[in-house]
Protein backbone atom coordinates (compact mmCIF):
# COMPACT_ATOMS: atom_id res chain seq x y z
CA MET A 1 70.69 161.41 211.91
CA LYS A 2 72.93 164.05 213.22
CA LYS A 3 71.51 163.36 217.16
CA LEU A 4 71.44 159.92 216.34
CA ILE A 5 74.98 160.57 216.11
CA VAL A 6 75.11 162.35 219.34
CA PHE A 7 73.40 159.72 221.36
CA ILE A 8 75.38 156.96 220.31
CA GLY A 9 78.41 159.26 220.77
CA ILE A 10 77.22 159.75 224.01
CA ILE A 11 76.46 155.97 224.45
CA ALA A 12 79.87 154.33 223.71
CA GLY A 13 81.58 158.41 225.79
CA LEU A 14 79.67 155.55 229.08
CA GLN A 15 80.59 152.72 228.07
CA THR A 16 84.45 153.63 227.52
CA THR A 17 83.73 155.13 231.22
CA LEU A 18 82.39 152.25 233.28
CA PHE A 19 84.69 149.12 231.78
CA GLY A 20 87.34 151.09 229.50
CA ALA A 21 88.91 153.33 232.21
CA ASP A 22 92.63 153.75 233.09
CA ILE A 23 93.10 152.57 236.89
CA ILE A 24 96.08 153.42 238.28
CA PRO A 25 97.71 151.99 241.56
CA ASP A 26 98.02 154.30 244.82
CA ARG A 27 102.24 152.64 244.97
CA GLN A 28 104.38 149.79 243.16
CA TRP A 29 107.63 148.50 243.96
CA THR A 30 110.27 146.02 243.95
CA VAL A 31 111.32 143.45 245.56
CA PRO A 32 114.25 143.54 246.27
CA ALA A 33 114.62 147.54 246.17
CA LYS A 34 118.04 147.14 243.30
CA TYR A 35 117.99 143.58 241.88
CA THR A 36 120.29 142.08 238.63
CA PHE A 37 119.15 141.21 236.41
CA ASP A 38 119.03 137.27 235.83
CA GLU A 39 117.60 137.35 239.49
CA PRO A 40 114.34 136.63 240.69
CA VAL A 41 112.01 140.57 241.30
CA THR A 42 108.52 141.12 242.20
CA TRP A 43 107.00 143.67 240.98
CA TYR A 44 103.88 145.16 243.24
CA PHE A 45 101.08 146.67 243.33
CA ASP A 46 98.96 148.75 245.80
CA PHE A 47 94.98 149.61 244.47
CA ALA A 48 93.49 150.76 246.96
CA SER A 49 91.54 153.64 246.27
CA ALA A 50 91.07 152.30 242.02
CA THR A 51 87.45 151.00 243.28
CA ALA A 52 86.84 150.02 239.38
CA LEU A 53 89.30 147.17 239.90
CA PRO A 54 87.38 144.23 242.16
CA ALA A 55 89.09 142.39 244.94
CA GLY A 56 90.83 139.95 244.01
CA GLY A 57 90.29 140.52 240.40
CA ASP A 58 92.76 138.47 237.63
CA LEU A 59 94.83 141.03 236.04
CA PHE A 60 97.24 140.49 233.54
CA LEU A 61 100.80 142.28 232.53
CA TRP A 62 101.01 143.68 229.17
CA ILE A 63 104.79 144.48 228.50
CA TRP A 64 106.53 146.29 225.71
CA VAL A 65 109.21 147.33 226.67
CA PRO A 66 111.89 145.47 226.72
CA VAL A 67 110.78 143.19 224.40
CA ASN A 68 106.57 141.58 224.11
CA PRO A 69 107.17 137.98 225.80
CA ILE A 70 104.20 136.95 224.80
CA PRO A 71 102.97 137.46 220.75
CA ASP A 72 99.88 135.18 221.18
CA ALA A 73 97.57 135.27 224.32
CA THR A 74 97.87 130.72 224.85
CA PRO A 75 97.27 129.04 228.27
CA ASP A 76 100.80 129.28 229.14
CA ASN A 77 101.49 133.11 227.83
CA LEU A 78 98.33 134.09 230.43
CA ASN A 79 99.44 132.25 233.00
CA LYS A 80 103.17 133.43 232.40
CA THR A 81 101.92 136.89 232.62
CA LYS A 82 98.70 136.23 235.50
CA LEU A 83 99.59 138.51 238.78
CA GLN A 84 99.07 136.70 242.17
CA TYR A 85 96.69 138.71 244.38
CA ASN A 86 98.19 139.67 247.77
CA GLY A 87 94.64 140.96 249.87
CA ASP A 88 93.75 144.28 250.97
CA ARG A 89 93.88 145.44 247.13
CA ILE A 90 97.24 144.40 246.79
CA TRP A 91 98.88 142.37 243.67
CA SER A 92 101.87 141.16 242.18
CA ILE A 93 104.12 139.20 239.43
CA THR A 94 107.13 137.39 240.14
CA PHE A 95 109.52 136.49 237.44
CA THR A 96 113.31 136.04 236.11
CA PRO A 97 114.37 139.02 233.46
CA THR A 98 116.39 137.11 231.89
CA GLU A 99 114.30 133.74 231.02
CA PHE A 100 110.49 135.92 231.72
CA PHE A 101 112.23 138.64 228.38
CA ASN A 102 114.40 135.26 226.51
CA MET A 103 117.07 137.91 226.62
CA THR A 104 120.64 138.10 228.73
CA SER A 105 121.12 140.61 231.12
CA ALA A 106 123.81 143.12 228.80
CA ASP A 107 120.44 142.80 226.26
CA ILE A 108 118.35 143.91 228.32
CA ALA A 109 120.74 146.51 229.23
CA ALA A 110 121.65 147.92 226.55
CA ASN A 111 118.22 147.77 224.86
CA SER A 112 117.11 152.20 224.73
CA GLU A 113 115.01 152.52 227.02
CA THR A 114 115.39 153.75 230.32
CA ASN A 115 112.33 151.64 232.07
CA PHE A 116 110.18 148.92 231.39
CA TYR A 117 106.65 149.82 230.16
CA PHE A 118 103.77 148.20 230.09
CA LEU A 119 99.77 148.04 231.71
CA LEU A 120 97.74 146.14 233.85
CA ARG A 121 95.12 144.85 231.94
CA SER A 122 92.00 142.60 232.81
CA LEU A 123 92.13 139.84 230.38
CA ASP A 124 89.56 140.98 227.80
CA PHE A 125 91.05 144.32 228.39
CA ASP A 126 88.05 146.50 228.12
CA THR A 127 86.83 145.52 231.58
CA TYR A 128 89.69 147.56 233.39
CA HIS A 129 92.74 148.51 233.05
CA THR A 130 96.19 151.01 234.02
CA GLY A 131 97.11 152.90 232.34
CA THR A 132 101.02 152.99 230.89
CA LEU A 133 103.46 152.21 233.87
CA SER A 134 106.36 151.70 234.65
CA PHE A 135 109.97 150.89 236.72
CA PRO A 136 114.05 152.01 235.52
CA LYS A 137 115.27 149.25 233.80
CA ILE A 138 118.85 149.87 235.52
CA ASP A 139 121.97 147.91 235.72
CA TYR A 140 122.22 147.74 238.78
CA VAL A 141 125.39 146.29 239.76
CA ALA A 142 126.70 149.03 237.24
CA GLU A 143 125.55 151.99 238.64
CA PHE A 144 127.06 150.65 242.45
CA VAL A 145 130.93 150.27 241.08
CA ALA A 146 131.05 153.31 239.15
CA SER A 147 129.70 155.17 243.06
CA ASN A 148 133.26 153.75 244.08
CA LYS A 149 132.22 152.71 247.41
CA VAL A 150 132.95 149.86 249.43
CA MET A 151 128.90 148.83 250.78
CA ASP A 152 125.43 150.43 249.53
CA TYR A 153 122.72 149.06 250.70
CA ALA A 154 118.67 149.50 249.40
CA PRO A 155 116.04 150.53 250.03
CA ALA A 156 116.45 153.87 252.05
CA ASP A 157 113.27 153.06 254.15
CA PHE A 158 114.02 149.49 254.99
CA GLN A 159 111.54 148.30 257.83
CA ILE A 160 112.92 145.22 259.72
CA GLY A 161 111.16 142.99 258.65
CA SER A 162 111.20 143.61 255.07
CA MET A 163 113.58 142.93 252.40
CA LEU A 164 116.69 145.02 252.30
CA THR A 165 120.09 144.56 250.03
CA ILE A 166 123.48 144.98 250.06
CA PHE A 167 126.20 145.47 247.57
CA PHE A 168 129.36 145.04 248.01
CA ASN A 169 133.23 145.84 245.85
CA SER A 170 135.88 143.65 247.19
CA ASN A 171 138.46 144.85 244.59
CA LEU A 172 137.63 148.36 247.22
CA VAL A 173 139.41 146.84 250.56
CA GLU A 174 143.28 145.23 250.96
CA GLY A 175 143.50 141.81 251.72
CA PHE A 176 140.18 140.21 249.33
CA ASN A 177 141.73 140.00 246.49
CA PRO A 178 143.42 137.43 244.84
CA VAL A 179 138.89 136.93 244.81
CA PRO A 180 138.56 135.12 248.04
CA SER A 181 136.41 131.92 247.37
CA THR A 182 133.16 132.76 249.26
CA VAL A 183 131.97 136.34 251.46
CA HIS A 184 130.22 136.10 254.34
CA MET A 185 128.25 138.74 256.85
CA HIS A 186 129.06 138.32 260.16
CA GLY A 187 126.48 141.22 261.40
CA GLY A 188 123.70 141.91 264.86
CA LEU A 189 121.01 144.69 265.70
CA ASN A 190 121.73 147.23 267.66
CA ASP A 191 125.19 147.02 268.29
CA TRP A 192 125.66 144.27 268.57
CA ASP A 193 122.68 143.02 270.90
CA VAL A 194 121.89 140.64 269.06
CA ILE A 195 123.83 138.19 266.88
CA GLN A 196 123.89 136.06 263.44
CA GLY A 197 128.37 135.25 263.31
CA PHE A 198 129.51 133.90 260.42
CA ASP A 199 130.82 129.92 262.09
CA ALA A 200 132.77 129.33 259.14
CA TRP A 201 132.90 125.61 261.21
CA ILE A 202 129.30 124.74 260.94
CA PRO A 203 127.96 124.06 257.08
CA GLU A 204 124.33 125.72 257.30
CA THR A 205 126.32 128.98 258.83
CA ARG A 206 128.04 129.24 256.38
CA VAL A 207 125.25 128.47 253.52
CA LYS A 208 123.32 131.63 255.36
CA THR A 209 125.52 134.28 256.27
CA GLN A 210 126.74 133.57 252.17
CA PHE A 211 126.55 136.88 249.91
CA ARG A 212 126.10 136.58 245.93
CA ASP A 213 129.17 136.50 244.44
CA LEU A 214 128.09 138.57 241.19
CA GLY A 215 132.04 138.59 239.33
CA ASN A 216 135.24 140.88 239.23
CA GLY A 217 134.69 141.30 243.25
CA ILE A 218 131.39 142.75 243.39
CA TYR A 219 129.03 140.60 246.02
CA LYS A 220 124.71 141.04 247.06
CA LYS A 221 123.59 139.90 249.28
CA ASP A 222 119.51 140.09 249.97
CA PHE A 223 118.05 139.53 253.50
CA VAL A 224 115.07 140.45 255.84
CA PRO A 225 116.66 141.61 259.20
CA GLN A 226 113.35 140.14 261.21
CA THR A 227 113.74 136.62 260.48
CA TYR A 228 117.99 137.26 259.14
CA PHE A 229 118.87 137.44 262.90
CA GLY A 230 115.10 135.60 264.08
CA VAL A 231 113.98 138.36 266.52
CA ASP A 232 110.57 139.45 267.06
CA GLU A 233 108.21 141.96 264.69
CA ASP A 234 108.23 144.41 267.35
CA TYR A 235 112.10 144.26 267.87
CA GLU A 236 112.90 148.04 267.56
CA MET A 237 115.61 148.32 265.25
CA GLU A 238 118.26 150.79 265.04
CA ASN A 239 121.15 149.71 263.65
CA ILE A 240 122.61 147.20 261.16
CA VAL A 241 125.75 146.41 261.68
CA PHE A 242 128.63 144.04 260.09
CA VAL A 243 131.77 142.84 258.22
CA VAL A 244 132.29 140.88 255.47
CA ALA A 245 134.57 137.57 256.49
CA LYS A 246 136.48 136.62 253.76
CA TYR A 247 136.64 132.32 254.04
CA ASN A 248 138.84 130.33 251.61
CA GLY A 249 136.75 126.96 251.73
CA ASN A 250 139.38 125.39 253.38
CA ASP A 251 136.28 122.68 255.22
CA ALA A 252 140.59 121.10 256.80
CA ALA A 253 140.73 124.33 258.81
CA PRO A 254 137.61 126.19 258.22
CA ASP A 255 138.91 130.20 259.23
CA TRP A 256 138.48 133.93 258.58
CA ALA A 257 140.11 134.63 256.24
CA GLY A 258 140.51 138.30 256.39
CA ALA A 259 137.37 140.68 256.80
CA SER A 260 136.00 143.62 256.50
CA PRO A 261 136.23 147.56 258.46
CA ASP A 262 133.23 147.57 260.25
CA PHE A 263 129.84 148.32 259.02
CA LYS A 264 126.83 150.57 260.09
CA ILE A 265 123.52 150.49 258.63
CA ILE A 266 120.87 153.76 260.34
CA ALA A 267 118.07 152.13 260.17
CA PRO A 268 114.74 154.85 259.15
CA GLY A 269 114.15 157.47 261.36
CA ILE A 270 116.66 156.40 263.65
CA PRO A 271 118.46 160.06 264.17
CA ILE A 272 122.42 159.62 262.86
CA PRO A 273 124.52 159.34 265.90
CA PRO A 274 127.23 162.10 266.27
CA PRO A 275 130.37 159.83 265.23
CA PRO A 276 133.09 158.98 268.59
CA SER A 277 135.43 161.36 269.83
CA LEU A 278 138.95 159.91 271.33
CA SER A 279 140.67 162.63 272.80
CA PHE A 280 144.97 162.16 275.25
CA PHE A 281 145.02 165.37 277.55
CA PRO A 282 147.19 167.18 278.06
CA LEU A 283 147.84 167.31 274.71
CA LYS A 284 152.10 166.90 275.48
CA VAL A 285 152.28 165.14 277.97
CA SER A 286 155.29 164.77 280.67
CA GLN A 287 156.42 161.85 283.12
CA ASN A 288 155.08 164.13 285.94
CA ASP A 289 151.48 164.72 284.17
CA ILE A 290 147.83 163.05 284.63
CA LEU A 291 147.09 162.01 281.52
CA THR A 292 143.31 161.40 280.57
CA ILE A 293 142.06 159.67 277.69
CA THR A 294 138.50 160.05 276.60
CA ARG A 295 137.01 158.44 274.45
CA LEU A 296 133.07 159.59 273.14
CA ASN A 297 129.49 158.40 272.03
CA ASN A 298 130.31 155.16 272.07
CA ASP A 299 128.86 151.63 270.40
CA ARG A 300 125.94 150.29 272.62
CA GLY A 301 126.65 147.85 274.99
CA GLN A 302 131.17 148.59 273.50
CA ILE A 303 133.34 148.36 276.59
CA LEU A 304 136.79 149.34 275.84
CA SER A 305 139.94 148.13 277.66
CA TYR A 306 144.30 149.34 276.65
CA THR A 307 147.80 148.63 277.14
CA ILE A 308 149.61 151.18 277.86
CA ILE A 309 153.89 150.76 277.30
CA GLY A 310 156.09 153.52 278.76
CA GLY A 311 159.94 151.78 278.79
CA SER A 312 160.03 149.02 281.27
CA LYS A 313 156.46 149.19 282.25
CA THR A 314 153.29 148.05 281.06
CA LEU A 315 149.79 149.61 282.32
CA SER A 316 146.32 148.01 281.37
CA GLY A 317 142.53 148.06 282.34
CA ASN A 318 138.98 148.45 280.95
CA MET A 319 138.30 152.84 280.94
CA GLU A 320 135.55 152.95 282.71
CA GLY A 321 131.77 154.77 282.36
CA SER A 322 129.17 154.44 279.18
CA MET A 323 128.19 154.55 276.13
CA SER A 324 128.23 158.50 276.08
CA SER A 325 131.66 159.17 277.73
CA GLN A 326 134.85 156.47 278.91
CA ARG A 327 137.59 157.57 280.71
CA VAL A 328 141.23 156.79 282.05
CA ILE A 329 143.02 158.90 284.96
CA ILE A 330 146.95 157.94 284.80
CA ASN A 331 149.14 159.55 286.83
CA LEU A 332 152.68 159.26 284.99
CA ALA A 333 154.31 160.60 288.41
CA SER A 334 153.38 157.24 290.09
CA GLU A 335 153.71 154.62 287.60
CA LEU A 336 156.59 155.55 285.75
CA LYS A 337 158.80 156.32 288.67
CA GLY A 338 162.30 155.80 288.24
CA ILE A 339 161.02 154.81 284.48
CA ASN A 340 163.37 156.20 281.76
CA ALA A 341 161.03 156.22 279.33
CA SER A 342 160.97 158.86 276.00
CA LYS A 343 157.63 158.05 274.35
CA LEU A 344 154.20 155.95 275.62
CA THR A 345 152.44 153.17 273.27
CA VAL A 346 148.60 153.28 273.57
CA VAL A 347 146.33 150.32 272.52
CA ILE A 348 142.90 150.49 273.26
CA LYS A 349 140.89 148.06 271.87
CA ASP A 350 136.90 146.67 272.18
CA GLN A 351 135.51 143.79 273.82
CA ASN A 352 135.36 142.26 270.72
CA ASN A 353 138.80 142.82 269.93
CA LYS A 354 138.74 145.43 267.64
CA VAL A 355 141.08 148.51 267.62
CA ILE A 356 139.96 151.38 268.61
CA TYR A 357 143.64 153.49 268.88
CA ASP A 358 147.22 152.17 268.21
CA GLY A 359 149.56 154.13 268.47
CA ASP A 360 152.22 156.99 270.25
CA ILE A 361 152.04 159.92 272.26
CA ALA A 362 155.93 161.90 272.98
CA LEU A 363 157.22 162.36 276.42
CA MET A 364 158.29 165.47 276.92
CA SER A 365 161.08 166.49 279.17
CA VAL A 366 161.42 167.18 282.30
CA ASP A 367 163.42 170.36 283.32
CA ASN A 368 165.55 169.38 286.81
CA PRO A 369 164.78 171.50 289.19
CA THR A 370 166.96 174.81 290.36
CA LYS A 371 169.00 173.56 292.80
């Protein structure tokens, strides 16, 4: 009798090994990487090495946190939880959490568990299934507000053909209160090499560039750089630059009502360039000196111009040089000869009218030569 019990136990063990063993995905991720509970999200699962799961096999989501949304296995419920096969042994499911769980965003966030917990399984459960899997259950909007950042983005390893999420806190930018009708991204790739601008007078552009309003001055934008900027998949993206433009919805006189500071997101794998630096030489200047203004580490394609006012004389022109260094040398003794000036007012801008420097330089008095 003992031999029979042992034999039955061995058979049961073999069945579990063959048909009920856990299969674990090699990797899993969400698109968008950071999402609100009231917007669609896609969960992806890559089972590249899980050979127990047949390619294209049916997979179903069985989830119990924050709640179980399918109390019975009706055809409608099964269709609701069935994953899509995307090829290359990758499955996905797209849903809106508030609709899927029939809960408010606040209720989902308030659930005591910090993760969504679930299994992926065959229809009969016994053929193949995963162990317990999870995704973080995070209120990303609250997390962003608590960070006190003006702008943040995710994921850190985004690529030109993958979705990038940008959060923007207008409460931290002067001129954005009261809350505008809409805000938009005026942006470019590789220091404005390719531009998708916010042309307020073009309705299609207003739609394409608009951020989603999350309320209380917080905005979110999801986009794929390749399609958003209209470049080929082999375009070598080094950075994304943009400003957030304020629009008050005046179709009769469409124009920007203000803009944020410039933002730059460095693409993954690209070394972070040293910050730009502006210098004046000598540090103490008189009308008898030769003034040298130098700016290092300029953006790609940036062209700097200067305007210098000393007394009744105005000097202007373009600085010379390259991305690494641009410079202008001015012989003040010659340019200000016969001019009574106590200071120089210097304004430096780039070709997009961005102000690089706007300030005064005091002119030291010149001693009279001994007679």
